[in-house]
Protein backbone atom coordinates (compact mmCIF):
# COMPACT_ATOMS: atom_id res chain seq x y z
CA MET A 1 28.03 223.25 119.97
CA ARG A 2 25.18 222.66 117.12
CA ASN A 3 22.98 225.76 115.56
CA SER A 4 20.87 226.84 113.20
CA TYR A 5 21.26 229.16 110.21
CA GLY A 6 18.53 230.70 108.42
CA PRO A 7 19.91 233.51 106.12
CA GLY A 8 17.64 235.54 103.85
CA GLY A 9 14.49 234.25 105.88
CA SER A 10 12.99 231.70 108.18
CA ALA A 11 12.86 228.15 107.14
CA ALA A 12 9.22 228.50 106.64
CA GLN A 13 9.16 231.10 104.56
CA HIS A 14 11.07 229.42 101.81
CA GLY A 15 8.75 225.82 102.04
CA VAL A 16 10.67 223.64 104.58
CA PRO A 17 9.40 222.72 107.87
CA ARG A 18 11.76 223.58 110.53
CA PRO A 19 13.45 220.32 112.21
CA THR A 20 12.05 219.81 116.02
CA ASP A 21 13.89 216.15 116.66
CA GLY A 22 17.06 217.82 116.49
CA ARG A 23 17.78 216.47 112.90
CA ALA A 24 18.99 219.11 109.79
CA ALA A 25 16.93 219.70 107.19
CA ALA A 26 18.61 219.47 103.52
CA VAL A 27 20.54 222.95 102.14
CA VAL A 28 18.99 223.00 98.45
CA VAL A 29 20.00 225.25 95.84
CA VAL A 30 16.89 226.12 93.72
CA ALA A 31 16.07 228.89 91.62
CA GLY A 32 19.35 230.90 92.84
CA ALA A 33 18.42 230.55 96.40
CA LEU A 34 19.42 228.16 99.27
CA ILE A 35 17.10 227.44 101.70
CA PHE A 36 18.37 226.24 105.73
CA PRO A 37 18.47 225.94 108.56
CA GLN A 38 21.47 223.27 108.86
CA ILE A 39 22.91 222.18 111.96
CA ALA A 40 26.32 222.12 112.41
CA GLN A 41 29.21 220.69 114.97
CA ALA A 42 32.59 221.48 116.06
CA ARG A 43 34.60 218.44 114.87
CA GLU A 44 35.56 217.35 118.21
CA GLY A 45 32.61 216.48 119.27
CA ALA A 46 29.23 217.52 120.40
CA ALA A 47 30.35 217.69 123.83
CA GLU A 48 32.26 221.43 123.90
CA PRO A 49 33.23 223.56 126.67
CA VAL A 50 30.74 226.59 128.16
CA GLY A 51 31.11 229.66 125.85
CA ALA A 52 32.95 228.02 122.97
CA ALA A 53 32.25 229.22 119.56
CA ALA A 54 29.79 227.78 117.47
CA CYS A 55 30.38 226.54 113.85
CA PRO A 56 30.34 229.56 111.56
CA PRO A 57 27.27 229.42 109.00
CA PRO A 58 28.58 228.22 105.49
CA ARG A 59 29.22 231.09 103.05
CA VAL A 60 26.75 231.42 100.62
CA SER A 61 26.70 233.24 97.04
CA GLU A 62 23.73 233.11 94.18
CA ARG A 63 25.31 229.12 92.89
CA SER A 64 27.75 228.13 95.59
CA ILE A 65 28.28 226.91 99.04
CA VAL A 66 31.37 226.56 101.35
CA LEU A 67 31.35 224.67 104.35
CA ASP A 68 33.71 225.51 107.57
CA GLY A 69 36.40 222.68 107.41
CA GLY A 70 36.61 222.32 111.41
CA CYS A 71 32.88 221.40 110.92
CA ILE A 72 30.65 218.03 110.93
CA TYR A 73 27.27 219.03 109.28
CA ASP A 74 24.74 216.05 109.91
CA ALA A 75 22.05 216.22 107.05
CA PRO A 76 21.93 216.21 103.50
CA ILE A 77 23.23 218.67 100.67
CA VAL A 78 20.61 219.06 97.57
CA LEU A 79 22.45 220.47 94.57
CA LYS A 80 19.57 221.27 92.33
CA GLN A 81 20.63 224.04 89.86
CA SER A 82 22.67 224.33 87.14
CA GLY A 83 25.96 226.16 87.81
CA ALA A 84 26.13 225.00 91.88
CA THR A 85 29.49 224.60 93.63
CA LEU A 86 29.72 223.03 96.92
CA ASP A 87 33.60 223.14 98.71
CA CYS A 88 33.27 221.12 101.96
CA ARG A 89 37.01 222.95 102.58
CA GLY A 90 37.53 219.36 104.33
CA ALA A 91 34.14 219.57 106.73
CA LEU A 92 32.49 215.85 106.75
CA ILE A 93 28.71 215.31 105.83
CA ASP A 94 27.77 212.40 108.16
CA VAL A 95 24.44 211.81 107.91
CA GLY A 96 24.44 209.17 110.91
CA ARG A 97 21.98 206.53 108.91
CA ARG A 98 18.90 209.05 109.38
CA HIS A 99 19.37 209.85 105.37
CA ARG A 100 19.30 208.05 102.05
CA PHE A 101 22.03 210.74 100.74
CA GLY A 102 24.88 212.48 101.98
CA VAL A 103 25.10 214.99 98.76
CA GLU A 104 22.54 214.94 95.73
CA ILE A 105 23.32 216.51 92.59
CA GLY A 106 20.76 217.13 90.09
CA VAL A 107 17.47 216.03 91.36
CA ALA A 108 15.43 218.27 88.72
CA ALA A 109 15.78 217.78 85.03
CA GLY A 110 18.59 219.58 83.04
CA VAL A 111 20.92 220.13 85.80
CA ARG A 112 24.28 220.42 84.17
CA ASP A 113 27.51 222.02 85.31
CA VAL A 114 27.98 221.53 88.77
CA THR A 115 31.13 220.59 90.80
CA VAL A 116 31.68 219.16 94.67
CA ARG A 117 34.88 219.19 96.15
CA ASN A 118 37.20 218.73 98.87
CA CYS A 119 33.93 216.87 100.79
CA ARG A 120 33.73 213.94 103.18
CA ILE A 121 30.57 211.91 103.41
CA ALA A 122 29.81 208.94 105.72
CA ASN A 123 26.82 206.36 107.04
CA ALA A 124 23.83 207.31 104.23
CA THR A 125 21.24 204.74 104.13
CA ASN A 126 21.68 204.64 100.72
CA SER A 127 25.02 206.24 98.62
CA GLY A 128 26.83 209.06 99.87
CA VAL A 129 26.98 210.96 96.57
CA LEU A 130 23.90 210.63 94.28
CA VAL A 131 23.93 211.86 90.89
CA GLY A 132 20.92 212.45 88.62
CA TRP A 133 17.71 213.18 87.04
CA GLN A 134 15.39 211.85 89.77
CA SER A 135 12.10 211.31 87.51
CA PRO A 136 10.15 208.06 88.76
CA ALA A 137 11.50 205.32 85.85
CA SER A 138 7.47 205.19 85.47
CA VAL A 139 7.09 207.94 84.55
CA ARG A 140 9.80 208.66 82.57
CA GLU A 141 9.98 205.95 80.33
CA LYS A 142 6.26 206.58 79.24
CA LYS A 143 6.31 210.21 79.22
CA TYR A 144 9.60 211.31 77.60
CA SER A 145 11.28 210.16 74.34
CA ALA A 146 14.71 209.19 74.17
CA ASP A 147 16.21 212.50 73.35
CA GLU A 148 14.02 214.20 75.91
CA ARG A 149 15.30 211.84 78.62
CA TYR A 150 18.83 212.84 78.09
CA ALA A 151 18.33 216.13 77.56
CA SER A 152 16.46 216.24 80.57
CA GLY A 153 19.38 214.07 82.31
CA THR A 154 22.17 215.77 84.83
CA ARG A 155 25.43 216.50 82.92
CA ASN A 156 28.98 217.68 83.22
CA VAL A 157 29.34 216.88 87.02
CA THR A 158 32.77 216.83 88.92
CA LEU A 159 33.61 215.50 91.69
CA ASP A 160 36.98 216.35 92.87
CA ASN A 161 38.75 214.88 96.03
CA VAL A 162 35.41 213.73 97.62
CA THR A 163 35.25 210.79 100.31
CA SER A 164 32.80 208.53 100.69
CA ASN A 165 32.90 205.63 102.65
CA ASP A 166 30.86 203.43 105.36
CA ASN A 167 27.39 203.66 102.94
CA ASP A 168 25.18 201.01 102.57
CA VAL A 169 24.59 200.79 98.94
CA ALA A 170 27.42 202.80 97.08
CA GLY A 171 29.87 205.70 97.51
CA VAL A 172 28.60 207.38 94.42
CA TYR A 173 25.57 206.61 92.58
CA VAL A 174 25.79 207.70 88.96
CA LEU A 175 21.29 207.44 88.02
CA ALA A 176 20.08 206.94 84.55
CA TYR A 177 20.80 209.21 81.40
CA SER A 178 23.55 211.03 83.51
CA GLN A 179 26.44 212.32 80.99
CA ASP A 180 29.83 213.58 81.63
CA VAL A 181 30.35 212.60 85.21
CA ARG A 182 33.75 212.88 86.17
CA ILE A 183 35.37 211.52 89.66
CA THR A 184 38.58 212.33 90.14
CA GLY A 185 41.00 212.38 93.53
CA ALA A 186 38.11 210.14 95.32
CA HIS A 187 38.69 207.88 98.32
CA LEU A 188 35.80 205.62 98.59
CA SER A 189 36.00 202.76 100.81
CA ARG A 190 34.42 200.24 103.29
CA ASN A 191 30.43 201.12 101.27
CA ALA A 192 28.65 197.74 101.88
CA GLY A 193 27.53 197.55 97.85
CA VAL A 194 29.70 199.43 95.73
CA GLY A 195 32.42 202.30 95.40
CA VAL A 196 30.91 203.46 92.28
CA TYR A 197 27.79 202.57 90.82
CA ILE A 198 27.79 203.78 86.72
CA GLY A 199 23.83 203.28 85.93
CA PRO A 200 21.98 202.42 83.27
CA GLN A 201 21.72 204.23 79.87
CA SER A 202 23.87 206.78 81.37
CA VAL A 203 27.49 207.60 79.09
CA ARG A 204 30.81 208.89 79.60
CA THR A 205 31.44 209.03 83.07
CA THR A 206 34.98 208.97 84.37
CA VAL A 207 36.50 207.57 87.21
CA GLU A 208 40.29 208.50 88.14
CA ASP A 209 43.64 208.68 90.19
CA SER A 210 41.14 207.47 92.96
CA GLU A 211 41.16 204.80 95.42
CA LEU A 212 38.25 202.22 95.73
CA ALA A 213 39.03 200.24 98.83
CA SER A 214 36.83 197.31 100.90
CA ASN A 215 33.92 198.36 99.04
CA GLY A 216 31.27 195.86 98.59
CA LEU A 217 32.19 193.46 101.66
CA GLY A 218 28.69 193.93 103.25
CA SER A 219 28.23 195.15 106.99
CA PRO A 220 28.48 194.22 109.97
CA ARG A 221 24.63 193.67 109.75
CA HIS A 222 24.73 192.04 106.61
CA ALA A 223 28.33 190.46 105.36
CA ARG A 224 28.58 189.73 101.89
CA ARG A 225 30.21 186.09 101.53
CA GLY A 226 32.25 184.88 98.11
CA LEU A 227 30.38 186.09 94.94
CA GLY A 228 28.25 187.69 97.45
CA ARG A 229 30.68 190.25 97.66
CA ARG A 230 30.11 193.39 95.06
CA GLU A 231 32.30 195.02 93.02
CA GLY A 232 34.81 198.52 93.26
CA VAL A 233 33.17 199.55 90.44
CA ALA A 234 30.23 198.85 88.88
CA ILE A 235 29.03 199.30 85.24
CA ASP A 236 25.41 198.40 84.44
CA SER A 237 23.88 199.02 80.70
CA SER A 238 26.20 201.90 80.51
CA SER A 239 28.49 202.79 77.64
CA ASP A 240 31.72 204.91 76.95
CA ASN A 241 32.82 204.99 80.16
CA VAL A 242 36.72 205.49 81.14
CA ILE A 243 37.94 204.25 84.56
CA ARG A 244 41.92 204.98 84.63
CA ARG A 245 44.60 204.86 87.14
CA ASN A 246 42.63 204.02 89.67
CA THR A 247 43.79 201.85 93.10
CA ILE A 248 41.33 199.20 93.52
CA ARG A 249 42.19 197.08 96.10
CA GLY A 250 40.42 194.73 98.38
CA ASN A 251 37.06 194.68 97.40
CA GLY A 252 35.22 191.75 96.31
CA GLY A 253 35.90 192.58 92.33
CA ALA A 254 37.16 195.50 90.94
CA VAL A 255 35.11 196.28 88.10
CA TYR A 256 32.42 194.48 86.85
CA LEU A 257 30.26 195.10 83.74
CA TYR A 258 26.70 193.97 82.55
CA LYS A 259 23.32 194.74 81.70
CA ASN A 260 20.64 194.40 84.91
CA CYS A 261 17.57 191.63 83.45
CA GLN A 262 15.07 194.57 84.94
CA GLU A 263 15.10 192.18 87.75
CA MET A 264 11.89 192.20 90.25
CA VAL A 265 9.89 193.48 87.30
CA SER A 266 6.62 192.48 88.66
CA GLY A 267 6.98 194.01 92.30
CA HIS A 268 9.15 196.61 91.78
CA GLY A 269 7.48 199.91 90.21
CA ARG A 270 10.85 201.82 89.55
CA ASN A 271 12.60 199.03 87.80
CA PHE A 272 12.82 199.59 84.14
CA LYS A 273 14.08 197.89 80.94
CA ARG A 274 17.55 198.41 80.35
CA THR A 275 18.45 199.18 76.52
CA MET A 276 21.98 199.79 76.04
CA PRO A 277 25.08 197.07 76.57
CA SER A 278 27.58 197.78 78.66
CA GLU A 279 30.12 198.12 75.61
CA ARG A 280 33.05 200.47 74.39
CA ASN A 281 33.80 200.84 77.77
CA ARG A 282 38.20 201.36 78.81
CA ILE A 283 39.61 199.85 82.17
CA GLU A 284 43.35 201.14 81.86
CA ASP A 285 46.10 201.82 83.62
CA ASN A 286 44.80 200.84 87.01
CA LYS A 287 46.68 198.85 90.00
CA ILE A 288 44.29 196.13 90.90
CA GLN A 289 44.73 194.47 93.98
CA ASP A 290 43.10 191.68 96.52
CA SER A 291 40.54 190.67 94.39
CA LEU A 292 38.40 187.31 93.49
CA VAL A 293 37.93 188.82 89.70
CA GLY A 294 39.87 191.56 88.54
CA VAL A 295 37.57 192.71 85.26
CA TRP A 296 34.52 190.52 84.39
CA ALA A 297 32.42 191.55 81.34
CA ALA A 298 29.20 190.19 80.72
CA SER A 299 29.25 188.95 84.66
CA ARG A 300 25.54 188.15 84.69
CA GLN A 301 26.10 185.86 81.73
CA SER A 302 26.20 182.52 83.67
CA ARG A 303 24.42 183.80 86.71
CA ILE A 304 21.28 181.72 87.30
CA LEU A 305 18.59 184.11 87.72
CA SER A 306 15.33 182.55 87.96
CA SER A 307 14.47 183.84 90.90
CA SER A 308 15.23 187.29 89.94
CA ASP A 309 11.69 187.84 88.05
CA CYS A 310 13.31 189.26 85.56
CA GLY A 311 11.70 191.62 82.06
CA ASP A 312 14.26 190.72 79.48
CA PRO A 313 13.62 186.50 78.17
CA TYR A 314 15.11 183.68 79.50
CA TYR A 315 16.32 180.71 78.16
CA GLY A 316 17.82 177.64 79.46
CA ASP A 317 14.73 175.42 81.31
CA GLY A 318 13.71 179.64 82.88
CA LYS A 319 17.15 179.72 84.69
CA TYR A 320 19.38 182.19 82.06
CA VAL A 321 19.19 186.15 80.19
CA LEU A 322 21.67 186.73 78.01
CA ASP A 323 24.23 189.55 79.52
CA ARG A 324 25.54 192.11 77.09
CA ALA A 325 28.47 193.88 77.36
CA PRO A 326 30.44 193.90 74.23
CA ASN A 327 33.45 195.63 72.83
CA ASN A 328 35.33 196.48 75.91
CA VAL A 329 39.16 197.46 76.17
CA ILE A 330 41.16 196.19 79.53
CA ALA A 331 44.56 197.29 79.01
CA ARG A 332 47.89 198.18 80.74
CA ASN A 333 46.67 197.49 83.84
CA VAL A 334 48.80 195.71 86.87
CA PHE A 335 46.77 192.79 88.64
CA SER A 336 47.72 191.66 92.03
CA ASP A 337 47.13 188.75 94.45
CA VAL A 338 43.53 187.95 92.19
CA GLY A 339 42.00 184.87 91.67
CA ILE A 340 41.51 185.49 87.87
CA ALA A 341 42.53 188.48 86.69
CA ALA A 342 40.05 188.74 83.70
CA VAL A 343 36.41 186.54 82.93
CA ILE A 344 35.20 187.69 79.32
CA GLU A 345 31.84 186.56 78.64
CA ASP A 346 30.71 188.38 75.91
CA ASP A 347 31.92 188.96 72.18
CA GLY A 348 34.53 191.76 71.24
CA ASN A 349 36.57 192.76 74.38
CA ARG A 350 40.22 193.27 74.38
CA PHE A 351 42.19 192.14 76.98
CA VAL A 352 45.66 193.87 76.06
CA ASP A 353 49.12 194.95 77.66
CA ASN A 354 48.33 193.62 81.14
CA VAL A 355 50.47 192.64 83.97
CA ILE A 356 49.28 189.49 86.66
CA SER A 357 52.18 189.35 89.42
CA GLY A 358 50.34 186.65 90.81
CA ALA A 359 47.14 185.27 90.18
CA SER A 360 45.79 182.29 91.96
CA GLY A 361 43.67 181.22 89.50
CA SER A 362 44.05 181.84 85.66
CA CYS A 363 45.21 184.95 84.51
CA ALA A 364 42.44 185.27 81.89
CA VAL A 365 39.50 183.31 81.18
CA VAL A 366 37.58 183.51 77.77
CA GLY A 367 34.06 181.98 77.26
CA THR A 368 30.36 181.59 78.76
CA GLY A 369 29.23 177.87 80.02
CA PRO A 370 24.91 178.57 79.03
CA ARG A 371 25.25 180.69 76.06
CA SER A 372 27.37 178.34 74.72
CA GLU A 373 25.27 175.13 75.24
CA LYS A 374 21.85 175.96 75.38
CA LEU A 375 21.92 178.58 72.48
CA GLY A 376 24.89 177.82 70.12
CA ARG A 377 26.99 180.83 70.49
CA PRO A 378 30.16 181.02 72.23
CA VAL A 379 31.66 183.98 72.72
CA THR A 380 33.96 185.16 69.62
CA ASP A 381 36.17 187.95 68.49
CA VAL A 382 37.62 188.50 71.38
CA VAL A 383 41.40 189.89 71.51
CA VAL A 384 44.14 188.85 74.42
CA ALA A 385 47.32 189.72 73.39
CA GLY A 386 51.16 191.52 75.08
CA ASN A 387 49.77 190.40 78.45
CA ARG A 388 52.58 189.16 81.25
CA CYS A 389 51.10 187.04 83.77
CA ARG A 390 52.35 184.83 86.96
CA SER A 391 49.96 181.59 87.50
CA GLU A 392 50.68 178.29 88.49
CA LYS A 393 47.20 177.49 86.88
CA ASP A 394 46.70 177.35 83.01
CA GLY A 395 47.08 180.66 82.30
CA TYR A 396 44.77 181.96 79.38
CA VAL A 397 42.11 179.88 79.35
CA PHE A 398 39.44 179.59 76.14
CA ALA A 399 36.54 177.71 77.32
CA PHE A 400 33.03 176.45 75.77
CA GLY A 401 34.30 177.00 72.23
CA ALA A 402 35.59 180.54 72.41
CA SER A 403 37.65 181.00 69.86
CA ALA A 404 40.97 181.77 70.56
CA SER A 405 42.30 183.78 66.97
CA GLY A 406 42.88 186.86 68.89
CA PHE A 407 45.42 185.65 71.07
CA GLY A 408 49.32 186.38 70.26
CA ALA A 409 52.28 187.70 72.29
CA ASN A 410 51.58 186.56 75.57
CA GLU A 411 54.03 185.42 78.29
CA LEU A 412 53.45 182.95 81.40
CA ASN A 413 56.17 182.70 83.81
CA GLY A 414 58.28 184.68 81.81
CA ARG A 415 58.00 182.38 78.64
CA ASN A 416 56.02 182.87 75.72
CA ALA A 417 52.31 181.25 76.10
CA ALA A 418 49.94 179.26 74.52
CA PRO A 419 46.15 179.41 74.98
CA SER A 420 44.32 176.36 76.72
CA GLU A 421 41.18 174.79 75.49
CA ALA A 422 38.86 173.95 77.70
CA ARG A 423 35.90 171.76 77.10
CA CYS A 424 33.92 173.47 80.34
CA ALA A 425 35.24 175.77 83.44
CA ALA A 426 35.71 173.29 86.30
CA GLY A 427 38.23 174.42 88.63
CA ILE A 428 38.31 177.55 86.44
CA MET A 429 35.46 179.84 86.85
CA PRO A 430 34.69 180.84 90.07
CA PHE A 431 31.55 179.66 89.86
CA LYS A 432 30.58 177.26 92.93
CA GLY A 433 27.66 179.19 94.86
CA LEU A 434 25.36 181.98 94.96
CA GLY A 435 23.60 180.61 91.84
CA TYR A 436 25.70 180.40 89.26
CA ALA A 437 25.85 177.61 86.71
CA ASP A 438 27.61 175.03 87.24
CA ALA A 439 29.58 174.94 83.90
CA CYS A 440 30.77 171.44 83.50
CA SER A 441 27.08 169.69 83.93
CA GLN A 442 26.14 172.01 81.54
CA ALA A 443 28.90 170.78 78.84
CA ARG A 444 28.58 167.11 79.50
């Protein structure tokens, strides 16, 4: 049974049009008021016996919403006031591919200290949960200084025990200039794009004690193949994030770090130039299973981007753009059933104390083709140490002149390992298809 609830006056009195097509309006926290209606149905299904009780209205206080755990809600919830709390108590927010998001946090400038817990979210046409200030980039980047952008960014958000599945872009999407977002105990699965997207110029997002499974494979309508598959966690031009104690399994990749080239700059008015490298991130103590690549630092360094209309400068006959993901730490992770545990294409990264129980390819590959061959800038200052790996291929490969000076105390198949040097990456790097450089042809 479906019902609308309107505490504190009608929806029209609050400036929210009442739905006329059976779809629910959003619940909004703004200026201390809660705006309804919200349509709910009992979890057992829409068809209920005559006389069955309707779902009760959410329990509401000035900054708090508590949903009934036995109900399904079919409209988004928007939290746009500092100090707001949403406790779904296990209720499902299923927006049925009619809304872009299931839960929106922030929206306005300067929102902070928001908590969402015990929610299940599904079937958004963009992302299950959106966190951040939603000022258009074309306005934000011109009107505000960098300090003002960070002061306006959404801050101190906690997502606790949130499930976000079957969305078209991401389970959780963190917008630019967001700070101190904590995702803990989450279950993020079957999202067509990525499990978590950590967006440009954001800092200090933590993803911990969560499960990210079968993300990045596309949808039944648009399946992704090979390197077209996306990752469990995408870190795009964002720094000082922590990805720890998660199980990341069956995604297109596990954790990819990169700086978007400001793609589609001519035709996409909301895209803007990324200035922050993806650096000082820590990927630690995770279980990473069943991925083509586990962790990839500078995952777009070797990608042919000539058709991406990048705002960043091209080099190499207009094919490549420099990616920036230096100075990250990949430590104490357990990799199993992966193609390559780590690909490192930028400087200063540390791959230490990891266990790779099964790699069909190499344990780790350090080096990048186009940057080395076209610009004379091989990868430097990478530490690969204290790792234990089982692989039938070359264990630890340093390609395209990458320095192996930081290599030490690694094992391969139970024995002390030496670094393997490779002129190019034929048969090593997973670069066939999807517009990645034919690394060996560049090296000849």
